[in-house]
Amino acid sequence: MSEFQADVTILSPNDGGTRDPSKCQLIVIHTNEGPPTGSVAGLLQYLANPAVEASYTVAVGGDGTIGRSNDDNYVPWAAGSPANERGLHLCLLGYASQSRADWLSRPAQLDAAARVLRDWHDRYGIPLVKITGAQMAAGVRGVGGHKDTVDAWHATNHTDPGSGFPYDVLLAKATGGQPVPDTSGEDDTMPSAEDIATAVWGHRIAKPDGQSNETAGNLLSWVDKHAADQIAQSAGPESEAQRGPLAPTGWEQLGKNADGSSRSLVDGVAHAIATADATAAKVSAMGNKLDQLLSLLDGAKSS
């Protein structure tokens, strides 16, 4: 297949099989946790050992040497699933603990890495913008680090390429322009959850007559208050304050249930109905007895 031509190619047997690189979502940046002055060929030889169980797509040395560990259409073993399948993985020889100044002191390495990124962008359409782990998990396409894949999917516990890695400089080199703003930072223009909530609660609701003089927040407060009043009236004082399963406090004025608890409005109505039924039964029994007495009296008169 047609792909970026590296200076050194030692393909690793450590891969997850073939894939269509044009469907890749990510470019993932790594460090090998070795000195930037190390040998790219040496790293590729190490990754060619099946016992290592690791590989990248491409590696870049501190001197700008570019090496290939896997063809683009093979899934490397670099960051766990699904980042392996979704990403083209670029390893820069160095440590995650390096400072920004350390990285900037090796422009040949950043220039070479930028050429690889630009090739993958041109070939596969992956945007040259920095994205976060949350954006990765949401399916956004772009460039991130191994650490971002951990934030997205928790498949490993790595932190590379580290907080000092100059994504802005690398992406600017790859695009041939000025440093690219980090879209994952605090300057995100999306409104905050607080801003959204304020807008929702402050929105004025239109009434049937077309007027809109009540905010959603006021109406919700009104509904909550009157719902609480209804609960208190039916279940008893303080019942409206409960947030778990409702346990009615009851009204002392309505008497006690068999278990000694005060009756709620429902309990009181049920008790009144039961009392009325019992009273009706007693009245009916008394009526029957009265009929019997009248019959006896009529019989005595006849005799």
C-alpha atoms as a PDB file:
ATOM      1  CA  MET A   1       0.000   0.000   0.000  1.00  0.00           C
ATOM      2  CA  SER A   2       1.018   3.634  -0.466  1.00  0.00           C
ATOM      3  CA  GLU A   3       2.174   5.222   2.810  1.00  0.00           C
ATOM      4  CA  PHE A   4       4.756   7.578   4.301  1.00  0.00           C
ATOM      5  CA  GLN A   5       8.257   6.332   3.482  1.00  0.00           C
ATOM      6  CA  ALA A   6      10.402   6.039   6.611  1.00  0.00           C
ATOM      7  CA  ASP A   7      14.182   6.147   6.837  1.00  0.00           C
ATOM      8  CA  VAL A   8      14.226   2.757   8.581  1.00  0.00           C
ATOM      9  CA  THR A   9      11.607  -0.008   8.415  1.00  0.00           C
ATOM     10  CA  ILE A  10      11.585  -3.024  10.734  1.00  0.00           C
ATOM     11  CA  LEU A  11       8.028  -4.305  10.899  1.00  0.00           C
ATOM     12  CA  SER A  12       6.815  -5.796  14.160  1.00  0.00           C
ATOM     13  CA  PRO A  13       4.787  -9.007  14.406  1.00  0.00           C
ATOM     14  CA  ASN A  14       2.958  -7.410  17.327  1.00  0.00           C
ATOM     15  CA  ASP A  15      -0.247  -6.195  15.725  1.00  0.00           C
ATOM     16  CA  GLY A  16      -4.004  -6.647  15.818  1.00  0.00           C
ATOM     17  CA  GLY A  17      -4.504  -7.431  12.151  1.00  0.00           C
ATOM     18  CA  THR A  18      -5.422  -5.292   9.196  1.00  0.00           C
ATOM     19  CA  ARG A  19      -7.697  -2.253   9.052  1.00  0.00           C
ATOM     20  CA  ASP A  20      -8.640   0.584   6.724  1.00  0.00           C
ATOM     21  CA  PRO A  21      -6.473   3.554   7.824  1.00  0.00           C
ATOM     22  CA  SER A  22      -8.790   6.007   6.080  1.00  0.00           C
ATOM     23  CA  LYS A  23     -11.323   5.223   8.812  1.00  0.00           C
ATOM     24  CA  CYS A  24      -8.876   6.057  11.629  1.00  0.00           C
ATOM     25  CA  GLN A  25     -10.152   8.689  14.049  1.00  0.00           C
ATOM     26  CA  LEU A  26      -6.933   9.612  15.832  1.00  0.00           C
ATOM     27  CA  ILE A  27      -3.259  10.385  15.685  1.00  0.00           C
ATOM     28  CA  VAL A  28      -1.843   9.346  19.076  1.00  0.00           C
ATOM     29  CA  ILE A  29       1.508  10.685  20.357  1.00  0.00           C
ATOM     30  CA  HIS A  30       3.726   8.509  22.587  1.00  0.00           C
ATOM     31  CA  THR A  31       7.146   8.487  24.202  1.00  0.00           C
ATOM     32  CA  ASN A  32       9.178   5.284  24.560  1.00  0.00           C
ATOM     33  CA  GLU A  33      10.518   6.310  27.990  1.00  0.00           C
ATOM     34  CA  GLY A  34      14.067   6.198  26.726  1.00  0.00           C
ATOM     35  CA  PRO A  35      16.667   8.851  25.893  1.00  0.00           C
ATOM     36  CA  PRO A  36      15.901  10.973  22.815  1.00  0.00           C
ATOM     37  CA  THR A  37      19.448  10.252  21.684  1.00  0.00           C
ATOM     38  CA  GLY A  38      18.631   6.554  21.420  1.00  0.00           C
ATOM     39  CA  SER A  39      18.597   4.575  18.183  1.00  0.00           C
ATOM     40  CA  VAL A  40      15.394   4.379  16.178  1.00  0.00           C
ATOM     41  CA  ALA A  41      16.608   1.148  14.568  1.00  0.00           C
ATOM     42  CA  GLY A  42      17.313  -0.219  18.030  1.00  0.00           C
ATOM     43  CA  LEU A  43      13.784   0.599  19.175  1.00  0.00           C
ATOM     44  CA  LEU A  44      12.279  -1.018  16.062  1.00  0.00           C
ATOM     45  CA  GLN A  45      14.421  -4.128  16.592  1.00  0.00           C
ATOM     46  CA  TYR A  46      13.178  -4.312  20.185  1.00  0.00           C
ATOM     47  CA  LEU A  47       9.543  -3.983  19.058  1.00  0.00           C
ATOM     48  CA  ALA A  48      10.089  -6.781  16.519  1.00  0.00           C
ATOM     49  CA  ASN A  49      10.423  -9.254  19.394  1.00  0.00           C
ATOM     50  CA  PRO A  50       7.063 -11.070  19.874  1.00  0.00           C
ATOM     51  CA  ALA A  51       7.734 -11.328  23.597  1.00  0.00           C
ATOM     52  CA  VAL A  52       7.616  -7.536  23.903  1.00  0.00           C
ATOM     53  CA  GLU A  53       3.926  -7.449  22.890  1.00  0.00           C
ATOM     54  CA  ALA A  54       4.100  -3.795  21.864  1.00  0.00           C
ATOM     55  CA  SER A  55       4.524  -1.740  18.703  1.00  0.00           C
ATOM     56  CA  TYR A  56       3.806   1.673  17.154  1.00  0.00           C
ATOM     57  CA  THR A  57       3.002   2.780  13.652  1.00  0.00           C
ATOM     58  CA  VAL A  58       5.983   5.141  13.301  1.00  0.00           C
ATOM     59  CA  ALA A  59       8.803   6.253  15.617  1.00  0.00           C
ATOM     60  CA  VAL A  60      10.918   9.439  15.428  1.00  0.00           C
ATOM     61  CA  GLY A  61      14.352   9.860  16.990  1.00  0.00           C
ATOM     62  CA  GLY A  62      15.808  12.952  18.576  1.00  0.00           C
ATOM     63  CA  ASP A  63      17.901  13.542  15.453  1.00  0.00           C
ATOM     64  CA  GLY A  64      14.861  13.397  13.157  1.00  0.00           C
ATOM     65  CA  THR A  65      15.325   9.795  11.975  1.00  0.00           C
ATOM     66  CA  ILE A  66      11.945   8.279  11.099  1.00  0.00           C
ATOM     67  CA  GLY A  67      11.307   4.552  11.536  1.00  0.00           C
ATOM     68  CA  ARG A  68       8.315   2.369  10.727  1.00  0.00           C
ATOM     69  CA  SER A  69       7.144  -0.345  13.131  1.00  0.00           C
ATOM     70  CA  ASN A  70       3.807  -1.170  11.465  1.00  0.00           C
ATOM     71  CA  ASP A  71       2.201  -0.391   8.137  1.00  0.00           C
ATOM     72  CA  ASP A  72      -0.643   2.116   8.419  1.00  0.00           C
ATOM     73  CA  ASN A  73      -3.173  -0.591   7.575  1.00  0.00           C
ATOM     74  CA  TYR A  74      -2.165  -2.721  10.573  1.00  0.00           C
ATOM     75  CA  VAL A  75      -3.419  -2.185  14.144  1.00  0.00           C
ATOM     76  CA  PRO A  76      -0.418  -1.559  16.448  1.00  0.00           C
ATOM     77  CA  TRP A  77      -0.247  -2.598  20.093  1.00  0.00           C
ATOM     78  CA  ALA A  78       0.363   0.839  21.552  1.00  0.00           C
ATOM     79  CA  ALA A  79      -2.437   2.061  23.860  1.00  0.00           C
ATOM     80  CA  GLY A  80      -4.998  -0.694  24.365  1.00  0.00           C
ATOM     81  CA  SER A  81      -8.390  -1.027  22.744  1.00  0.00           C
ATOM     82  CA  PRO A  82     -10.144   0.832  21.177  1.00  0.00           C
ATOM     83  CA  ALA A  83      -7.331   3.391  20.798  1.00  0.00           C
ATOM     84  CA  ASN A  84      -5.161   0.858  18.942  1.00  0.00           C
ATOM     85  CA  GLU A  85      -7.837   0.249  16.321  1.00  0.00           C
ATOM     86  CA  ARG A  86      -8.878   3.893  16.012  1.00  0.00           C
ATOM     87  CA  GLY A  87      -5.427   5.452  15.888  1.00  0.00           C
ATOM     88  CA  LEU A  88      -2.218   5.921  13.951  1.00  0.00           C
ATOM     89  CA  HIS A  89       0.415   5.833  16.691  1.00  0.00           C
ATOM     90  CA  LEU A  90       3.531   8.016  16.562  1.00  0.00           C
ATOM     91  CA  CYS A  91       6.294   7.481  19.138  1.00  0.00           C
ATOM     92  CA  LEU A  92       8.864  10.202  19.794  1.00  0.00           C
ATOM     93  CA  LEU A  93      11.996   8.904  21.501  1.00  0.00           C
ATOM     94  CA  GLY A  94      12.108  10.597  24.886  1.00  0.00           C
ATOM     95  CA  TYR A  95      10.513  10.733  28.320  1.00  0.00           C
ATOM     96  CA  ALA A  96       7.080  11.899  29.487  1.00  0.00           C
ATOM     97  CA  SER A  97       8.902  13.860  32.205  1.00  0.00           C
ATOM     98  CA  GLN A  98      10.643  16.121  29.669  1.00  0.00           C
ATOM     99  CA  SER A  99       9.901  19.830  29.903  1.00  0.00           C
ATOM    100  CA  ARG A 100       8.665  22.008  27.069  1.00  0.00           C
ATOM    101  CA  ALA A 101      12.194  23.404  26.805  1.00  0.00           C
ATOM    102  CA  ASP A 102      13.596  19.887  26.471  1.00  0.00           C
ATOM    103  CA  TRP A 103      11.288  19.145  23.544  1.00  0.00           C
ATOM    104  CA  LEU A 104      11.933  22.488  21.844  1.00  0.00           C
ATOM    105  CA  SER A 105      15.671  21.892  22.071  1.00  0.00           C
ATOM    106  CA  ARG A 106      15.287  19.139  19.432  1.00  0.00           C
ATOM    107  CA  PRO A 107      13.660  20.887  16.444  1.00  0.00           C
ATOM    108  CA  ALA A 108      14.768  18.126  14.047  1.00  0.00           C
ATOM    109  CA  GLN A 109      12.639  15.636  15.959  1.00  0.00           C
ATOM    110  CA  LEU A 110       9.575  17.918  15.943  1.00  0.00           C
ATOM    111  CA  ASP A 111      10.076  18.717  12.252  1.00  0.00           C
ATOM    112  CA  ALA A 112      10.183  15.015  11.368  1.00  0.00           C
ATOM    113  CA  ALA A 113       7.148  14.245  13.523  1.00  0.00           C
ATOM    114  CA  ALA A 114       5.289  17.136  11.851  1.00  0.00           C
ATOM    115  CA  ARG A 115       5.991  15.650   8.409  1.00  0.00           C
ATOM    116  CA  VAL A 116       4.434  12.362   9.515  1.00  0.00           C
ATOM    117  CA  LEU A 117       1.378  14.141  10.933  1.00  0.00           C
ATOM    118  CA  ARG A 118       0.940  16.161   7.758  1.00  0.00           C
ATOM    119  CA  ASP A 119       1.140  12.999   5.641  1.00  0.00           C
ATOM    120  CA  TRP A 120      -1.532  11.267   7.758  1.00  0.00           C
ATOM    121  CA  HIS A 121      -3.707  14.373   7.580  1.00  0.00           C
ATOM    122  CA  ASP A 122      -3.396  14.597   3.785  1.00  0.00           C
ATOM    123  CA  ARG A 123      -3.837  10.844   3.281  1.00  0.00           C
ATOM    124  CA  TYR A 124      -6.569  10.048   5.772  1.00  0.00           C
ATOM    125  CA  GLY A 125      -8.197  13.393   6.570  1.00  0.00           C
ATOM    126  CA  ILE A 126      -7.447  13.386  10.313  1.00  0.00           C
ATOM    127  CA  PRO A 127      -7.696  17.023  11.525  1.00  0.00           C
ATOM    128  CA  LEU A 128      -4.484  18.521  12.905  1.00  0.00           C
ATOM    129  CA  VAL A 129      -6.088  19.792  16.105  1.00  0.00           C
ATOM    130  CA  LYS A 130      -5.457  18.780  19.712  1.00  0.00           C
ATOM    131  CA  ILE A 131      -8.392  16.982  21.335  1.00  0.00           C
ATOM    132  CA  THR A 132      -9.081  15.683  24.848  1.00  0.00           C
ATOM    133  CA  GLY A 133      -9.892  12.223  26.097  1.00  0.00           C
ATOM    134  CA  ALA A 134     -13.541  13.169  26.434  1.00  0.00           C
ATOM    135  CA  GLN A 135     -13.587  14.280  22.811  1.00  0.00           C
ATOM    136  CA  MET A 136     -11.900  11.031  21.765  1.00  0.00           C
ATOM    137  CA  ALA A 137     -14.542   9.014  23.562  1.00  0.00           C
ATOM    138  CA  ALA A 138     -17.240  11.085  21.836  1.00  0.00           C
ATOM    139  CA  GLY A 139     -15.810  10.202  18.413  1.00  0.00           C
ATOM    140  CA  VAL A 140     -14.148  13.541  17.587  1.00  0.00           C
ATOM    141  CA  ARG A 141     -11.228  13.198  15.144  1.00  0.00           C
ATOM    142  CA  GLY A 142      -7.886  14.808  15.891  1.00  0.00           C
ATOM    143  CA  VAL A 143      -4.518  14.546  17.646  1.00  0.00           C
ATOM    144  CA  GLY A 144      -3.940  13.533  21.256  1.00  0.00           C
ATOM    145  CA  GLY A 145      -1.567  11.716  23.542  1.00  0.00           C
ATOM    146  CA  HIS A 146      -1.472   8.273  25.105  1.00  0.00           C
ATOM    147  CA  LYS A 147      -2.648   9.992  28.321  1.00  0.00           C
ATOM    148  CA  ASP A 148      -5.752  11.255  26.501  1.00  0.00           C
ATOM    149  CA  THR A 149      -6.637   7.688  25.461  1.00  0.00           C
ATOM    150  CA  VAL A 150      -6.370   6.700  29.137  1.00  0.00           C
ATOM    151  CA  ASP A 151      -8.841   9.467  30.017  1.00  0.00           C
ATOM    152  CA  ALA A 152     -11.130   8.236  27.241  1.00  0.00           C
ATOM    153  CA  TRP A 153     -11.074   4.469  27.773  1.00  0.00           C
ATOM    154  CA  HIS A 154      -8.872   3.610  30.795  1.00  0.00           C
ATOM    155  CA  ALA A 155      -7.175   0.762  28.931  1.00  0.00           C
ATOM    156  CA  THR A 156      -3.719   1.603  30.389  1.00  0.00           C
ATOM    157  CA  ASN A 157      -2.259   3.921  33.017  1.00  0.00           C
ATOM    158  CA  HIS A 158       0.331   5.768  30.901  1.00  0.00           C
ATOM    159  CA  THR A 159       0.874   9.534  31.053  1.00  0.00           C
ATOM    160  CA  ASP A 160       2.973  10.114  27.913  1.00  0.00           C
ATOM    161  CA  PRO A 161       3.938  12.257  26.143  1.00  0.00           C
ATOM    162  CA  GLY A 162       3.699  14.350  29.324  1.00  0.00           C
ATOM    163  CA  SER A 163       2.445  17.780  30.334  1.00  0.00           C
ATOM    164  CA  GLY A 164       5.465  19.508  28.808  1.00  0.00           C
ATOM    165  CA  PHE A 165       4.882  18.207  25.293  1.00  0.00           C
ATOM    166  CA  PRO A 166       4.520  21.166  22.832  1.00  0.00           C
ATOM    167  CA  TYR A 167       1.426  20.143  20.874  1.00  0.00           C
ATOM    168  CA  ASP A 168       0.983  23.728  19.686  1.00  0.00           C
ATOM    169  CA  VAL A 169       4.445  23.845  18.108  1.00  0.00           C
ATOM    170  CA  LEU A 170       4.173  20.376  16.565  1.00  0.00           C
ATOM    171  CA  LEU A 171       0.767  21.123  15.036  1.00  0.00           C
ATOM    172  CA  ALA A 172       1.938  24.507  13.780  1.00  0.00           C
ATOM    173  CA  LYS A 173       4.849  22.823  12.038  1.00  0.00           C
ATOM    174  CA  ALA A 174       2.476  20.211  10.574  1.00  0.00           C
ATOM    175  CA  THR A 175       0.089  22.837   9.223  1.00  0.00           C
ATOM    176  CA  GLY A 176       2.867  25.177   8.087  1.00  0.00           C
ATOM    177  CA  GLY A 177       1.349  28.070   9.995  1.00  0.00           C
ATOM    178  CA  GLN A 178       1.180  29.677  13.391  1.00  0.00           C
ATOM    179  CA  PRO A 179       0.700  27.575  16.535  1.00  0.00           C
ATOM    180  CA  VAL A 180      -2.711  25.925  16.449  1.00  0.00           C
ATOM    181  CA  PRO A 181      -4.961  26.785  19.421  1.00  0.00           C
ATOM    182  CA  ASP A 182      -5.470  23.860  21.782  1.00  0.00           C
ATOM    183  CA  THR A 183      -9.215  23.216  21.488  1.00  0.00           C
ATOM    184  CA  SER A 184      -9.128  21.193  24.708  1.00  0.00           C
ATOM    185  CA  GLY A 185      -8.207  24.177  26.910  1.00  0.00           C
ATOM    186  CA  GLU A 186     -10.120  26.635  29.028  1.00  0.00           C
ATOM    187  CA  ASP A 187     -10.901  28.948  26.107  1.00  0.00           C
ATOM    188  CA  ASP A 188     -13.647  26.655  24.860  1.00  0.00           C
ATOM    189  CA  THR A 189     -16.513  28.830  23.600  1.00  0.00           C
ATOM    190  CA  MET A 190     -19.186  26.299  24.509  1.00  0.00           C
ATOM    191  CA  PRO A 191     -21.368  27.718  27.319  1.00  0.00           C
ATOM    192  CA  SER A 192     -20.880  26.193  30.745  1.00  0.00           C
ATOM    193  CA  ALA A 193     -23.505  24.069  32.454  1.00  0.00           C
ATOM    194  CA  GLU A 194     -24.170  27.017  34.780  1.00  0.00           C
ATOM    195  CA  ASP A 195     -24.742  29.346  31.816  1.00  0.00           C
ATOM    196  CA  ILE A 196     -27.149  26.864  30.225  1.00  0.00           C
ATOM    197  CA  ALA A 197     -29.057  26.386  33.487  1.00  0.00           C
ATOM    198  CA  THR A 198     -29.333  30.150  34.008  1.00  0.00           C
ATOM    199  CA  ALA A 199     -30.706  30.597  30.494  1.00  0.00           C
ATOM    200  CA  VAL A 200     -33.245  27.786  30.931  1.00  0.00           C
ATOM    201  CA  TRP A 201     -34.536  28.957  34.325  1.00  0.00           C
ATOM    202  CA  GLY A 202     -34.690  32.570  33.119  1.00  0.00           C
ATOM    203  CA  HIS A 203     -36.618  31.784  29.939  1.00  0.00           C
ATOM    204  CA  ARG A 204     -40.146  33.238  30.046  1.00  0.00           C
ATOM    205  CA  ILE A 205     -42.916  30.750  29.325  1.00  0.00           C
ATOM    206  CA  ALA A 206     -45.769  31.795  27.033  1.00  0.00           C
ATOM    207  CA  LYS A 207     -49.244  31.429  28.519  1.00  0.00           C
ATOM    208  CA  PRO A 208     -52.298  30.415  26.425  1.00  0.00           C
ATOM    209  CA  ASP A 209     -53.118  34.114  25.957  1.00  0.00           C
ATOM    210  CA  GLY A 210     -49.707  34.680  24.387  1.00  0.00           C
ATOM    211  CA  GLN A 211     -48.211  36.576  27.325  1.00  0.00           C
ATOM    212  CA  SER A 212     -44.898  35.421  28.772  1.00  0.00           C
ATOM    213  CA  ASN A 213     -44.448  37.055  32.145  1.00  0.00           C
ATOM    214  CA  GLU A 214     -43.304  34.046  34.176  1.00  0.00           C
ATOM    215  CA  THR A 215     -39.852  32.478  34.021  1.00  0.00           C
ATOM    216  CA  ALA A 216     -39.381  28.722  33.903  1.00  0.00           C
ATOM    217  CA  GLY A 217     -37.633  28.933  37.272  1.00  0.00           C
ATOM    218  CA  ASN A 218     -40.596  30.767  38.870  1.00  0.00           C
ATOM    219  CA  LEU A 219     -43.097  28.295  37.465  1.00  0.00           C
ATOM    220  CA  LEU A 220     -41.031  25.342  38.667  1.00  0.00           C
ATOM    221  CA  SER A 221     -40.834  26.890  42.140  1.00  0.00           C
ATOM    222  CA  TRP A 222     -44.615  27.426  42.108  1.00  0.00           C
ATOM    223  CA  VAL A 223     -45.245  23.817  41.093  1.00  0.00           C
ATOM    224  CA  ASP A 224     -42.823  22.552  43.743  1.00  0.00           C
ATOM    225  CA  LYS A 225     -44.447  24.646  46.483  1.00  0.00           C
ATOM    226  CA  HIS A 226     -48.002  23.624  45.684  1.00  0.00           C
ATOM    227  CA  ALA A 227     -47.034  19.984  45.228  1.00  0.00           C
ATOM    228  CA  ALA A 228     -45.411  20.150  48.680  1.00  0.00           C
ATOM    229  CA  ASP A 229     -48.595  21.692  50.104  1.00  0.00           C
ATOM    230  CA  GLN A 230     -50.675  18.878  48.621  1.00  0.00           C
ATOM    231  CA  ILE A 231     -48.358  16.239  50.081  1.00  0.00           C
ATOM    232  CA  ALA A 232     -48.441  17.893  53.490  1.00  0.00           C
ATOM    233  CA  GLN A 233     -52.258  18.147  53.407  1.00  0.00           C
ATOM    234  CA  SER A 234     -52.760  14.523  52.422  1.00  0.00           C
ATOM    235  CA  ALA A 235     -49.892  12.819  54.270  1.00  0.00           C
ATOM    236  CA  GLY A 236     -49.334  15.077  57.257  1.00  0.00           C
ATOM    237  CA  PRO A 237     -47.012  17.873  58.426  1.00  0.00           C
ATOM    238  CA  GLU A 238     -43.339  17.641  57.313  1.00  0.00           C
ATOM    239  CA  SER A 239     -44.121  14.830  54.866  1.00  0.00           C
ATOM    240  CA  GLU A 240     -43.238  17.184  52.014  1.00  0.00           C
ATOM    241  CA  ALA A 241     -39.643  17.389  53.281  1.00  0.00           C
ATOM    242  CA  GLN A 242     -39.006  13.689  52.707  1.00  0.00           C
ATOM    243  CA  ARG A 243     -36.818  12.793  49.700  1.00  0.00           C
ATOM    244  CA  GLY A 244     -36.924   9.005  49.978  1.00  0.00           C
ATOM    245  CA  PRO A 245     -39.981   6.711  49.940  1.00  0.00           C
ATOM    246  CA  LEU A 246     -42.888   8.640  51.452  1.00  0.00           C
ATOM    247  CA  ALA A 247     -43.658   7.747  55.078  1.00  0.00           C
ATOM    248  CA  PRO A 248     -46.744   9.868  55.985  1.00  0.00           C
ATOM    249  CA  THR A 249     -46.474  11.698  59.311  1.00  0.00           C
ATOM    250  CA  GLY A 250     -50.284  11.840  59.665  1.00  0.00           C
ATOM    251  CA  TRP A 251     -52.663  14.231  61.405  1.00  0.00           C
ATOM    252  CA  GLU A 252     -53.343  13.851  65.141  1.00  0.00           C
ATOM    253  CA  GLN A 253     -56.793  15.399  64.602  1.00  0.00           C
ATOM    254  CA  LEU A 254     -57.822  12.343  62.564  1.00  0.00           C
ATOM    255  CA  GLY A 255     -56.965   9.833  65.280  1.00  0.00           C
ATOM    256  CA  LYS A 256     -54.598   6.871  65.340  1.00  0.00           C
ATOM    257  CA  ASN A 257     -54.056   3.849  63.096  1.00  0.00           C
ATOM    258  CA  ALA A 258     -53.902   0.354  64.590  1.00  0.00           C
ATOM    259  CA  ASP A 259     -50.079   0.633  64.805  1.00  0.00           C
ATOM    260  CA  GLY A 260     -50.328   3.840  66.830  1.00  0.00           C
ATOM    261  CA  SER A 261     -49.332   6.218  64.034  1.00  0.00           C
ATOM    262  CA  SER A 262     -51.388   9.308  63.267  1.00  0.00           C
ATOM    263  CA  ARG A 263     -53.790   8.959  60.373  1.00  0.00           C
ATOM    264  CA  SER A 264     -53.098  10.645  57.060  1.00  0.00           C
ATOM    265  CA  LEU A 265     -55.955  12.203  55.119  1.00  0.00           C
ATOM    266  CA  VAL A 266     -56.342   8.967  53.160  1.00  0.00           C
ATOM    267  CA  ASP A 267     -56.254   6.922  56.380  1.00  0.00           C
ATOM    268  CA  GLY A 268     -58.865   9.252  57.873  1.00  0.00           C
ATOM    269  CA  VAL A 269     -61.211   8.895  54.901  1.00  0.00           C
ATOM    270  CA  ALA A 270     -60.769   5.120  54.936  1.00  0.00           C
ATOM    271  CA  HIS A 271     -61.501   5.028  58.670  1.00  0.00           C
ATOM    272  CA  ALA A 272     -64.583   7.210  58.210  1.00  0.00           C
ATOM    273  CA  ILE A 273     -65.880   4.939  55.460  1.00  0.00           C
ATOM    274  CA  ALA A 274     -65.243   1.844  57.586  1.00  0.00           C
ATOM    275  CA  THR A 275     -66.959   3.494  60.557  1.00  0.00           C
ATOM    276  CA  ALA A 276     -69.942   4.489  58.406  1.00  0.00           C
ATOM    277  CA  ASP A 277     -70.202   0.934  57.060  1.00  0.00           C
ATOM    278  CA  ALA A 278     -70.119  -0.481  60.597  1.00  0.00           C
ATOM    279  CA  THR A 279     -72.690   2.027  61.776  1.00  0.00           C
ATOM    280  CA  ALA A 280     -74.926   1.215  58.812  1.00  0.00           C
ATOM    281  CA  ALA A 281     -74.639  -2.481  59.670  1.00  0.00           C
ATOM    282  CA  LYS A 282     -75.619  -1.808  63.279  1.00  0.00           C
ATOM    283  CA  VAL A 283     -78.572   0.340  62.221  1.00  0.00           C
ATOM    284  CA  SER A 284     -79.671  -2.398  59.841  1.00  0.00           C
ATOM    285  CA  ALA A 285     -79.428  -4.999  62.637  1.00  0.00           C
ATOM    286  CA  MET A 286     -81.417  -2.757  64.971  1.00  0.00           C
ATOM    287  CA  GLY A 287     -84.037  -2.301  62.258  1.00  0.00           C
ATOM    288  CA  ASN A 288     -84.342  -6.073  61.892  1.00  0.00           C
ATOM    289  CA  LYS A 289     -84.787  -6.452  65.639  1.00  0.00           C
ATOM    290  CA  LEU A 290     -87.400  -3.670  65.667  1.00  0.00           C
ATOM    291  CA  ASP A 291     -89.308  -5.421  62.882  1.00  0.00           C
ATOM    292  CA  GLN A 292     -89.237  -8.630  64.915  1.00  0.00           C
ATOM    293  CA  LEU A 293     -90.521  -6.803  68.004  1.00  0.00           C
ATOM    294  CA  LEU A 294     -93.347  -5.171  66.078  1.00  0.00           C
ATOM    295  CA  SER A 295     -94.326  -8.530  64.663  1.00  0.00           C
ATOM    296  CA  LEU A 296     -94.476 -10.014  68.154  1.00  0.00           C
ATOM    297  CA  LEU A 297     -96.608  -7.145  69.356  1.00  0.00           C
ATOM    298  CA  ASP A 298     -98.998  -7.572  66.450  1.00  0.00           C
ATOM    299  CA  GLY A 299     -99.293 -11.274  67.296  1.00  0.00           C
ATOM    300  CA  ALA A 300    -100.070 -10.537  70.954  1.00  0.00           C
ATOM    301  CA  LYS A 301    -102.864  -8.139  69.986  1.00  0.00           C
ATOM    302  CA  SER A 302    -104.439 -10.700  67.702  1.00  0.00           C
ATOM    303  CA  SER A 303    -104.612 -13.273  70.510  1.00  0.00           C
END
